[in-house]
């Protein structure tokens, strides 16, 4: 709906069951509330949340802003919250630590939560296609010099040749919009596209064109002028700025591919090389989280302050950005390496998020480079299936035209990172052996489970590993179905 109460062209009915795995209902009833330990980190890091369809999602506990109460018997009661969820959380109690020590260690709890939380940061589109004609005058296109060498004419749109080659679309309307967005056209005629009269089809084509073509830059607003049958587009940056960024991104993507892609590499090896390069060279912009709303979305203020972090330019050129920048940077380098990929949007742990799907030998796989860059449980989201991904990534079906979305489903784990590297455990006994051997050998090891462990089962497994590996203290994390353990250092 728009703020005047009318339905906009982007509105769409949906069956609640289609998004049931994205709707959190309540905290799991069997959550343990009493803990004993020698420091604050004995408190839990995660809480299980039941979704509308009965599935369980694991969310990070947010201790920042919580309160601690000291009881007469020395027990410390802690009121915390659930990151990115408005659901109330049970109070937890800790015994074995004096109050002053606990308060001094609360920063460790907060730091652990920040490290374990999935990296999100996708900005919401600010799009309005009203049912009433826009009374404002339509702005004229700016003219400018060609950027990036030879210019080509594609369906009447002038673009640098290297930019024109990046267009990704599943329909003529989607392609037309993408071409104009890439050219930074401020008005886009819809004459000749009868399907554009259907606001749902127009909205569908817009989102595919915008999401699957990362060199478009950032669109602040989009409106439909009924009198002229055209779209009026407002961009966040000037045409010259976007054109310069397009060329810098393409140059860097080509340079990176030339540096890391070797002759004879398989598609999987190419994908792994790109994923590793981005993990090694890029840094996540945590500052955008200062502008995070209660629903986990990122506000306009963050986009205005850090615009590059929401484009491929951030990660590729500045080595600094959020999930959108990671996914779009991967897409551009993959394209240079001869790999086909698309962008996917949705949520992770309640926060807006963007990731990729990659085509390997005729099958699509889910890849989240942003969250593969972890010291513990790294590459947990490397080529997983939709079924496995759904436990942590809640996809919003808006990135590809509705008629084609079914062609991009991921239903295979053949090229999943832990499967390829022989680090999959059928049960906790097998997982324990892999973790103990890896901990003794390298001090840092991860294993993929057949299913996610409950909080109690995870803690029991970690304790057995600690005891049998004869180590004093470890840090551990379960991300999706991957359990990672590393020897803790002071």
Protein backbone atom coordinates (compact mmCIF):
# COMPACT_ATOMS: atom_id res chain seq x y z
CA UNK A 1 0.00 0.00 0.00
CA UNK A 2 0.99 3.60 -0.43
CA UNK A 3 0.87 6.05 2.46
CA UNK A 4 -2.49 7.41 1.27
CA UNK A 5 -4.06 3.99 1.74
CA UNK A 6 -4.22 2.97 -1.91
CA UNK A 7 -2.71 -0.20 -3.34
CA UNK A 8 0.36 0.45 -5.44
CA UNK A 9 1.28 -1.48 -8.56
CA UNK A 10 3.85 -3.43 -6.55
CA UNK A 11 1.20 -4.99 -4.28
CA UNK A 12 0.52 -8.68 -4.80
CA UNK A 13 -1.59 -11.28 -3.02
CA UNK A 14 0.16 -14.36 -1.75
CA UNK A 15 -0.77 -17.58 0.01
CA UNK A 16 0.50 -17.43 3.63
CA UNK A 17 1.73 -21.01 3.29
CA UNK A 18 4.16 -19.91 0.58
CA UNK A 19 6.02 -17.75 3.10
CA UNK A 20 5.31 -19.82 6.21
CA UNK A 21 9.01 -20.64 6.67
CA UNK A 22 9.76 -16.90 6.81
CA UNK A 23 7.29 -16.03 9.59
CA UNK A 24 8.67 -16.48 13.14
CA UNK A 25 6.01 -17.35 15.72
CA UNK A 26 7.64 -17.96 19.09
CA UNK A 27 10.70 -19.09 20.99
CA UNK A 28 11.06 -22.86 21.22
CA UNK A 29 9.50 -24.12 24.48
CA UNK A 30 12.41 -26.40 25.43
CA UNK A 31 15.02 -23.61 25.60
CA UNK A 32 17.45 -24.11 28.52
CA UNK A 33 17.43 -21.13 30.90
CA UNK A 34 19.90 -22.12 33.66
CA UNK A 35 23.67 -22.11 33.02
CA UNK A 36 26.83 -22.59 35.07
CA UNK A 37 30.30 -21.40 34.12
CA UNK A 38 33.39 -19.43 34.99
CA UNK A 39 32.74 -16.48 32.70
CA UNK A 40 29.99 -14.65 30.83
CA UNK A 41 30.51 -16.68 27.65
CA UNK A 42 28.88 -19.65 29.40
CA UNK A 43 25.56 -18.02 28.42
CA UNK A 44 24.00 -19.30 25.17
CA UNK A 45 24.73 -17.67 21.83
CA UNK A 46 21.63 -18.88 19.98
CA UNK A 47 17.94 -19.44 20.54
CA UNK A 48 15.65 -21.71 18.53
CA UNK A 49 12.63 -19.98 16.96
CA UNK A 50 9.60 -21.85 15.66
CA UNK A 51 8.37 -20.65 12.27
CA UNK A 52 4.78 -20.63 11.05
CA UNK A 53 5.22 -23.93 9.17
CA UNK A 54 6.66 -25.68 12.24
CA UNK A 55 10.27 -25.53 11.09
CA UNK A 56 12.95 -24.24 13.44
CA UNK A 57 15.23 -21.29 12.75
CA UNK A 58 18.32 -20.56 14.82
CA UNK A 59 18.69 -16.87 15.74
CA UNK A 60 21.55 -15.06 17.48
CA UNK A 61 20.87 -13.74 21.00
CA UNK A 62 21.43 -9.98 21.29
CA UNK A 63 22.97 -9.12 24.67
CA UNK A 64 23.61 -5.50 23.67
CA UNK A 65 21.21 -3.32 25.63
CA UNK A 66 20.21 -6.15 27.98
CA UNK A 67 19.96 -5.96 31.77
CA UNK A 68 21.56 -8.09 34.51
CA UNK A 69 20.10 -8.60 38.01
CA UNK A 70 22.05 -10.09 40.95
CA UNK A 71 20.02 -12.38 43.25
CA UNK A 72 20.84 -13.00 46.91
CA UNK A 73 22.13 -16.52 46.15
CA UNK A 74 24.70 -15.12 43.69
CA UNK A 75 22.77 -16.08 40.57
CA UNK A 76 22.80 -13.46 37.78
CA UNK A 77 19.55 -13.13 35.82
CA UNK A 78 19.97 -11.69 32.30
CA UNK A 79 17.24 -10.21 30.15
CA UNK A 80 18.41 -10.23 26.54
CA UNK A 81 16.64 -10.05 23.17
CA UNK A 82 16.62 -11.92 19.87
CA UNK A 83 18.52 -10.21 17.06
CA UNK A 84 16.18 -8.75 14.43
CA UNK A 85 13.06 -10.24 16.01
CA UNK A 86 10.37 -8.55 18.13
CA UNK A 87 9.65 -11.86 19.90
CA UNK A 88 10.21 -11.79 23.67
CA UNK A 89 12.97 -14.08 24.95
CA UNK A 90 13.04 -16.14 28.13
CA UNK A 91 15.25 -14.80 30.92
CA UNK A 92 18.50 -16.75 31.34
CA UNK A 93 20.35 -17.30 34.65
CA UNK A 94 24.07 -17.80 35.23
CA UNK A 95 25.76 -19.28 38.31
CA UNK A 96 29.48 -19.43 39.08
CA UNK A 97 30.57 -15.91 38.15
CA UNK A 98 30.60 -12.94 40.51
CA UNK A 99 28.61 -9.90 39.39
CA UNK A 100 31.52 -7.49 38.87
CA UNK A 101 33.41 -10.02 36.75
CA UNK A 102 30.29 -10.70 34.72
CA UNK A 103 29.68 -7.00 34.01
CA UNK A 104 33.30 -6.58 32.91
CA UNK A 105 32.87 -9.47 30.49
CA UNK A 106 29.59 -8.36 28.88
CA UNK A 107 31.55 -6.81 26.04
CA UNK A 108 32.71 -10.33 25.18
CA UNK A 109 29.09 -11.47 24.90
CA UNK A 110 28.30 -8.58 22.57
CA UNK A 111 31.41 -9.19 20.47
CA UNK A 112 30.57 -12.89 20.16
CA UNK A 113 27.06 -12.04 18.99
CA UNK A 114 28.38 -9.65 16.35
CA UNK A 115 30.82 -12.30 15.08
CA UNK A 116 28.22 -15.07 14.95
CA UNK A 117 25.41 -13.07 13.41
CA UNK A 118 24.93 -13.58 9.71
CA UNK A 119 26.07 -10.61 7.68
CA UNK A 120 23.06 -8.96 6.08
CA UNK A 121 22.49 -5.37 4.97
CA UNK A 122 20.34 -5.42 1.83
CA UNK A 123 18.54 -2.12 1.23
CA UNK A 124 14.82 -2.09 0.50
CA UNK A 125 13.66 -0.66 -2.83
CA UNK A 126 11.84 2.65 -2.52
CA UNK A 127 9.54 2.10 -5.48
CA UNK A 128 6.17 3.65 -6.25
CA UNK A 129 4.10 2.87 -9.34
CA UNK A 130 0.84 4.72 -8.50
CA UNK A 131 -2.58 4.19 -10.04
CA UNK A 132 -2.96 7.92 -10.61
CA UNK A 133 -1.01 10.00 -13.16
CA UNK A 134 1.99 11.86 -11.85
CA UNK A 135 1.29 15.59 -12.05
CA UNK A 136 4.94 16.60 -11.97
CA UNK A 137 6.83 17.40 -15.15
CA UNK A 138 8.95 14.60 -16.51
CA UNK A 139 12.69 15.34 -16.24
CA UNK A 140 14.71 15.27 -19.43
CA UNK A 141 17.62 12.90 -20.00
CA UNK A 142 21.03 14.36 -19.46
CA UNK A 143 23.45 14.10 -22.35
CA UNK A 144 27.09 13.28 -21.82
CA UNK A 145 30.20 11.98 -23.42
CA UNK A 146 30.58 8.29 -24.08
CA UNK A 147 32.45 6.43 -21.38
CA UNK A 148 34.51 3.29 -21.68
CA UNK A 149 35.47 3.14 -25.32
CA UNK A 150 33.25 2.12 -28.23
CA UNK A 151 29.53 2.81 -27.88
CA UNK A 152 26.86 0.55 -29.34
CA UNK A 153 23.18 1.10 -30.05
CA UNK A 154 20.93 -1.59 -28.59
CA UNK A 155 17.24 -1.15 -29.44
CA UNK A 156 17.78 2.61 -29.57
CA UNK A 157 19.71 2.82 -26.29
CA UNK A 158 23.33 4.00 -26.45
CA UNK A 159 25.69 2.09 -24.15
CA UNK A 160 29.41 1.33 -23.87
CA UNK A 161 29.90 -2.04 -25.56
CA UNK A 162 31.29 -3.75 -22.45
CA UNK A 163 28.27 -2.62 -20.39
CA UNK A 164 25.79 -3.78 -23.05
CA UNK A 165 27.30 -7.28 -22.90
CA UNK A 166 26.35 -7.63 -19.21
CA UNK A 167 22.58 -7.38 -19.71
CA UNK A 168 20.64 -10.23 -18.06
CA UNK A 169 16.89 -10.60 -18.74
CA UNK A 170 14.18 -13.20 -19.38
CA UNK A 171 11.81 -11.01 -21.41
CA UNK A 172 11.90 -8.15 -23.88
CA UNK A 173 10.35 -5.77 -21.33
CA UNK A 174 12.87 -6.74 -18.65
CA UNK A 175 15.71 -6.32 -21.16
CA UNK A 176 14.37 -2.90 -22.26
CA UNK A 177 14.24 -1.69 -18.67
CA UNK A 178 17.73 -3.04 -17.94
CA UNK A 179 19.21 -1.29 -20.98
CA UNK A 180 17.69 2.02 -19.91
CA UNK A 181 18.73 1.63 -16.28
CA UNK A 182 22.29 0.90 -17.38
CA UNK A 183 22.19 3.99 -19.58
CA UNK A 184 20.77 5.99 -16.64
CA UNK A 185 17.74 7.05 -18.69
CA UNK A 186 15.51 9.30 -16.58
CA UNK A 187 12.43 8.58 -18.71
CA UNK A 188 11.65 5.18 -20.23
CA UNK A 189 8.91 4.87 -22.83
CA UNK A 190 6.70 1.78 -22.56
CA UNK A 191 5.14 2.14 -26.01
CA UNK A 192 5.11 -1.21 -27.77
CA UNK A 193 5.00 -3.25 -24.55
CA UNK A 194 1.36 -4.20 -24.07
CA UNK A 195 2.21 -6.29 -21.01
CA UNK A 196 3.41 -3.12 -19.26
CA UNK A 197 -0.23 -2.10 -18.81
CA UNK A 198 -0.47 -4.90 -16.23
CA UNK A 199 1.07 -3.34 -13.11
CA UNK A 200 2.07 -6.76 -11.70
CA UNK A 201 3.95 -7.73 -14.87
CA UNK A 202 5.58 -4.30 -15.01
CA UNK A 203 6.67 -4.61 -11.39
CA UNK A 204 7.94 -8.13 -12.03
CA UNK A 205 10.00 -6.97 -15.02
CA UNK A 206 11.36 -3.99 -13.10
CA UNK A 207 12.64 -6.06 -10.21
CA UNK A 208 14.36 -8.59 -12.48
CA UNK A 209 15.97 -5.82 -14.54
CA UNK A 210 17.13 -3.97 -11.43
CA UNK A 211 18.32 -6.95 -9.37
CA UNK A 212 19.99 -8.96 -12.15
CA UNK A 213 21.94 -6.04 -13.60
CA UNK A 214 24.19 -4.70 -10.82
CA UNK A 215 25.77 -1.97 -12.96
CA UNK A 216 22.45 -0.07 -12.91
CA UNK A 217 23.52 1.81 -9.79
CA UNK A 218 20.97 2.70 -7.12
CA UNK A 219 17.43 3.73 -8.04
CA UNK A 220 15.85 6.00 -5.44
CA UNK A 221 12.38 6.19 -6.95
CA UNK A 222 10.37 4.95 -9.92
CA UNK A 223 6.99 6.33 -10.99
CA UNK A 224 4.65 5.76 -13.90
CA UNK A 225 3.35 8.68 -15.96
CA UNK A 226 -0.02 7.57 -17.36
CA UNK A 227 -0.30 10.54 -19.71
CA UNK A 228 2.95 9.72 -21.50
CA UNK A 229 3.01 5.95 -20.87
CA UNK A 230 6.54 6.09 -19.52
CA UNK A 231 8.51 5.46 -16.36
CA UNK A 232 10.18 8.36 -14.56
CA UNK A 233 13.34 7.24 -12.77
CA UNK A 234 15.32 8.94 -10.02
CA UNK A 235 18.87 7.67 -9.48
CA UNK A 236 20.97 8.05 -6.34
CA UNK A 237 24.05 9.19 -8.26
CA UNK A 238 24.70 11.25 -11.35
CA UNK A 239 24.94 9.66 -14.78
CA UNK A 240 28.63 10.47 -14.99
CA UNK A 241 29.34 8.95 -11.57
CA UNK A 242 27.52 5.73 -12.47
CA UNK A 243 29.20 5.44 -15.87
CA UNK A 244 32.64 5.86 -14.30
CA UNK A 245 31.80 3.24 -11.67
CA UNK A 246 30.57 0.85 -14.36
CA UNK A 247 33.92 1.02 -16.13
CA UNK A 248 35.97 0.69 -12.95
CA UNK A 249 33.91 -2.33 -11.87
CA UNK A 250 34.26 -4.06 -15.23
CA UNK A 251 37.99 -3.37 -15.38
CA UNK A 252 38.53 -4.73 -11.86
CA UNK A 253 36.35 -7.79 -12.55
CA UNK A 254 38.41 -8.52 -15.66
CA UNK A 255 41.68 -8.02 -13.78
CA UNK A 256 40.58 -10.30 -10.93
CA UNK A 257 39.45 -13.04 -13.31
CA UNK A 258 42.74 -12.77 -15.17
CA UNK A 259 44.65 -13.09 -11.90
CA UNK A 260 42.86 -16.05 -10.31
CA UNK A 261 41.40 -18.08 -13.19
CA UNK A 262 43.82 -20.57 -14.70
CA UNK A 263 43.57 -22.55 -17.94
CA UNK A 264 41.99 -25.95 -17.44
CA UNK A 265 40.02 -24.99 -14.33
CA UNK A 266 36.61 -26.64 -13.91
CA UNK A 267 33.60 -24.42 -13.29
CA UNK A 268 33.65 -25.49 -9.63
CA UNK A 269 37.31 -24.51 -9.31
CA UNK A 270 36.59 -21.14 -10.91
CA UNK A 271 33.72 -20.52 -8.49
CA UNK A 272 35.88 -21.54 -5.52
CA UNK A 273 38.67 -19.23 -6.65
CA UNK A 274 36.30 -16.24 -6.93
CA UNK A 275 34.68 -17.00 -3.57
CA UNK A 276 38.10 -17.27 -1.90
CA UNK A 277 39.41 -14.09 -3.53
CA UNK A 278 36.45 -12.07 -2.23
CA UNK A 279 36.76 -13.61 1.25
CA UNK A 280 40.48 -12.81 1.35
CA UNK A 281 40.34 -9.29 -0.05
CA UNK A 282 36.99 -7.80 0.99
CA UNK A 283 35.83 -6.44 4.34
CA UNK A 284 32.24 -6.23 5.51
CA UNK A 285 30.95 -2.73 6.29
CA UNK A 286 29.53 -3.20 9.78
CA UNK A 287 28.86 0.54 10.07
CA UNK A 288 25.64 0.16 8.08
CA UNK A 289 24.22 -1.82 11.01
CA UNK A 290 24.07 1.44 12.96
CA UNK A 291 21.13 2.31 10.70
CA UNK A 292 19.30 -1.00 11.04
CA UNK A 293 15.56 -0.79 11.76
CA UNK A 294 13.73 -3.09 14.17
CA UNK A 295 12.58 -5.29 11.27
CA UNK A 296 16.19 -5.86 10.20
CA UNK A 297 16.02 -3.65 7.12
CA UNK A 298 18.61 -1.00 6.33
CA UNK A 299 17.37 2.58 6.29
CA UNK A 300 17.81 5.13 3.50
CA UNK A 301 20.29 7.03 5.64
CA UNK A 302 22.78 4.16 5.41
CA UNK A 303 22.47 4.05 1.62
CA UNK A 304 22.99 7.81 1.44
CA UNK A 305 26.08 7.66 3.66
CA UNK A 306 27.63 4.51 2.16
CA UNK A 307 26.22 4.25 -1.39
CA UNK A 308 29.17 2.31 -2.77
CA UNK A 309 28.69 -0.42 -0.16
CA UNK A 310 25.39 -1.31 -1.86
CA UNK A 311 26.91 -1.67 -5.34
CA UNK A 312 29.58 -3.99 -6.81
CA UNK A 313 31.97 -1.03 -6.74
CA UNK A 314 32.24 -1.29 -2.95
CA UNK A 315 33.65 -4.82 -2.81
CA UNK A 316 35.44 -4.88 -6.17
CA UNK A 317 37.17 -1.50 -6.12
CA UNK A 318 37.13 -0.37 -2.47
CA UNK A 319 37.17 -3.89 -0.90
CA UNK A 320 34.43 -2.71 1.46
CA UNK A 321 30.68 -3.33 1.33
CA UNK A 322 27.61 -5.29 2.45
CA UNK A 323 25.87 -8.37 1.09
CA UNK A 324 24.53 -6.68 -2.05
CA UNK A 325 28.05 -5.61 -2.94
CA UNK A 326 29.49 -9.11 -2.32
CA UNK A 327 26.81 -10.85 -4.42
CA UNK A 328 27.03 -8.36 -7.28
CA UNK A 329 30.84 -8.37 -7.26
CA UNK A 330 30.79 -12.17 -7.48
CA UNK A 331 28.33 -11.96 -10.38
CA UNK A 332 30.58 -9.64 -12.40
CA UNK A 333 33.76 -11.66 -11.84
CA UNK A 334 31.90 -14.90 -12.55
CA UNK A 335 30.68 -13.43 -15.82
CA UNK A 336 34.28 -12.62 -16.78
CA UNK A 337 35.28 -16.19 -15.88
CA UNK A 338 32.54 -17.69 -18.07
CA UNK A 339 30.26 -18.73 -15.20
CA UNK A 340 26.53 -18.03 -15.13
CA UNK A 341 25.07 -16.67 -11.89
CA UNK A 342 22.08 -14.69 -10.67
CA UNK A 343 21.31 -12.58 -7.61
CA UNK A 344 18.80 -13.69 -4.97
CA UNK A 345 17.24 -11.54 -2.25
CA UNK A 346 15.46 -12.38 0.98
CA UNK A 347 16.36 -12.42 4.67
CA UNK A 348 18.92 -14.02 6.95
CA UNK A 349 18.21 -14.07 10.70
CA UNK A 350 15.51 -11.46 10.08
CA UNK A 351 17.74 -8.97 8.24
CA UNK A 352 17.44 -8.11 4.54
CA UNK A 353 20.00 -10.09 2.56
CA UNK A 354 21.32 -10.82 -0.95
CA UNK A 355 23.25 -13.81 -2.27
CA UNK A 356 23.83 -15.79 -5.51
CA UNK A 357 22.91 -18.90 -7.41
CA UNK A 358 25.56 -20.42 -9.65
CA UNK A 359 25.10 -22.80 -12.59
CA UNK A 360 27.44 -25.83 -12.60
CA UNK A 361 27.01 -28.60 -15.17
CA UNK A 362 23.37 -27.76 -15.78
CA UNK A 363 22.33 -27.45 -12.11
CA UNK A 364 21.91 -24.38 -9.91
CA UNK A 365 23.49 -24.07 -6.46
CA UNK A 366 23.07 -21.50 -3.68
CA UNK A 367 26.17 -19.47 -2.78
CA UNK A 368 26.45 -16.79 -0.07
CA UNK A 369 29.94 -15.31 -0.34
CA UNK A 370 29.22 -12.73 2.39
CA UNK A 371 28.75 -15.42 5.02
CA UNK A 372 31.31 -17.85 3.66
CA UNK A 373 33.94 -15.43 4.94
CA UNK A 374 34.09 -16.76 8.51
CA UNK A 375 37.05 -18.02 10.53
CA UNK A 376 34.86 -20.67 12.15
CA UNK A 377 32.39 -22.64 9.99
CA UNK A 378 33.64 -20.93 6.85
CA UNK A 379 32.01 -21.78 3.49
CA UNK A 380 28.91 -23.07 5.27
CA UNK A 381 26.79 -21.64 2.45
CA UNK A 382 28.84 -22.83 -0.53
CA UNK A 383 26.73 -24.60 -3.17
CA UNK A 384 23.90 -25.78 -0.94
CA UNK A 385 20.45 -26.86 -2.05
CA UNK A 386 17.24 -24.89 -1.52
CA UNK A 387 16.17 -27.36 1.17
CA UNK A 388 19.33 -26.80 3.22
CA UNK A 389 19.44 -23.07 2.48
CA UNK A 390 15.85 -22.59 3.67
CA UNK A 391 16.92 -23.32 7.24
CA UNK A 392 18.84 -20.04 7.34
CA UNK A 393 18.20 -18.09 4.11
CA UNK A 394 14.56 -17.08 3.62
CA UNK A 395 14.24 -16.33 -0.08
CA UNK A 396 11.84 -13.74 -1.45
CA UNK A 397 10.67 -14.81 -4.91
CA UNK A 398 11.17 -11.45 -6.60
CA UNK A 399 14.49 -11.54 -8.44
CA UNK A 400 13.49 -13.39 -11.57
CA UNK A 401 10.32 -13.12 -13.67
CA UNK A 402 7.59 -15.25 -12.08
CA UNK A 403 7.22 -17.35 -15.24
CA UNK A 404 10.90 -18.33 -15.11
CA UNK A 405 11.60 -18.58 -11.36
CA UNK A 406 11.13 -22.37 -11.36
CA UNK A 407 14.07 -22.80 -13.74
CA UNK A 408 16.55 -21.54 -11.14
CA UNK A 409 15.80 -23.91 -8.28
CA UNK A 410 18.68 -25.63 -6.50
CA UNK A 411 18.01 -29.27 -5.59
CA UNK A 412 21.50 -30.78 -5.54
CA UNK A 413 24.45 -30.98 -3.09
CA UNK A 414 27.00 -32.61 -5.42
CA UNK A 415 29.26 -29.54 -5.47
CA UNK A 416 28.65 -28.44 -1.88
CA UNK A 417 31.97 -27.43 -0.28
CA UNK A 418 31.99 -29.91 2.63
CA UNK A 419 30.74 -32.72 0.40
CA UNK A 420 33.56 -32.14 -2.09
CA UNK A 421 36.13 -32.04 0.74
CA UNK A 422 34.86 -35.13 2.60
CA UNK A 423 33.72 -33.24 5.70
CA UNK A 424 30.13 -34.49 5.99
CA UNK A 425 29.05 -36.49 9.07
CA UNK A 426 26.07 -38.82 9.14
CA UNK A 427 25.74 -38.62 12.93
CA UNK A 428 27.29 -36.99 16.00
CA UNK A 429 29.74 -39.85 16.55
CA UNK A 430 31.21 -39.39 13.10
CA UNK A 431 31.16 -35.60 13.55
CA UNK A 432 33.00 -35.95 16.87
CA UNK A 433 35.78 -37.96 15.23
CA UNK A 434 36.23 -35.44 12.40
CA UNK A 435 36.23 -32.50 14.84
CA UNK A 436 38.71 -34.11 17.25
CA UNK A 437 41.14 -35.08 14.48
CA UNK A 438 40.91 -31.64 12.89
CA UNK A 439 41.28 -29.80 16.18
CA UNK A 440 44.43 -31.76 17.06
CA UNK A 441 45.89 -31.25 13.59
CA UNK A 442 45.03 -27.65 12.73
CA UNK A 443 43.30 -26.15 15.77
CA UNK A 444 40.33 -25.17 13.60
CA UNK A 445 37.87 -27.58 11.97
CA UNK A 446 34.30 -27.63 10.65
CA UNK A 447 31.94 -30.41 9.61
CA UNK A 448 28.55 -30.49 7.90
CA UNK A 449 25.79 -32.43 9.67
CA UNK A 450 22.87 -34.20 8.02
CA UNK A 451 20.58 -31.91 10.02
CA UNK A 452 20.93 -28.99 12.43
CA UNK A 453 21.61 -29.89 16.07
CA UNK A 454 19.51 -28.65 18.94
CA UNK A 455 21.21 -26.33 21.41
CA UNK A 456 21.61 -29.13 23.96
CA UNK A 457 22.94 -31.61 21.39
CA UNK A 458 25.42 -29.06 20.08
CA UNK A 459 26.76 -28.26 23.54
CA UNK A 460 27.06 -31.96 24.39
CA UNK A 461 29.00 -32.61 21.16
CA UNK A 462 31.37 -29.69 21.78
CA UNK A 463 32.01 -30.78 25.38
CA UNK A 464 32.89 -34.31 24.24
CA UNK A 465 35.26 -32.92 21.61
CA UNK A 466 36.95 -30.65 24.18
CA UNK A 467 37.40 -33.52 26.61
CA UNK A 468 38.71 -36.08 24.11
CA UNK A 469 40.90 -33.61 22.21
CA UNK A 470 42.39 -32.56 25.56
CA UNK A 471 42.12 -28.80 24.97
CA UNK A 472 41.25 -26.23 27.60
CA UNK A 473 38.91 -23.88 25.80
CA UNK A 474 37.33 -23.56 22.36
CA UNK A 475 35.06 -21.25 20.42
CA UNK A 476 32.32 -22.90 18.41
CA UNK A 477 29.46 -22.02 16.12
CA UNK A 478 26.67 -23.77 14.26
CA UNK A 479 25.81 -21.94 11.04
CA UNK A 480 23.13 -23.70 9.07
CA UNK A 481 24.06 -27.37 9.36
CA UNK A 482 27.80 -26.69 9.70
CA UNK A 483 29.46 -27.01 13.13
CA UNK A 484 32.80 -25.27 13.48
CA UNK A 485 35.24 -25.41 16.42
CA UNK A 486 38.51 -23.57 16.95
CA UNK A 487 40.92 -23.50 19.90
CA UNK A 488 40.30 -20.27 21.79
CA UNK A 489 43.15 -17.86 22.45
CA UNK A 490 43.43 -15.32 25.21
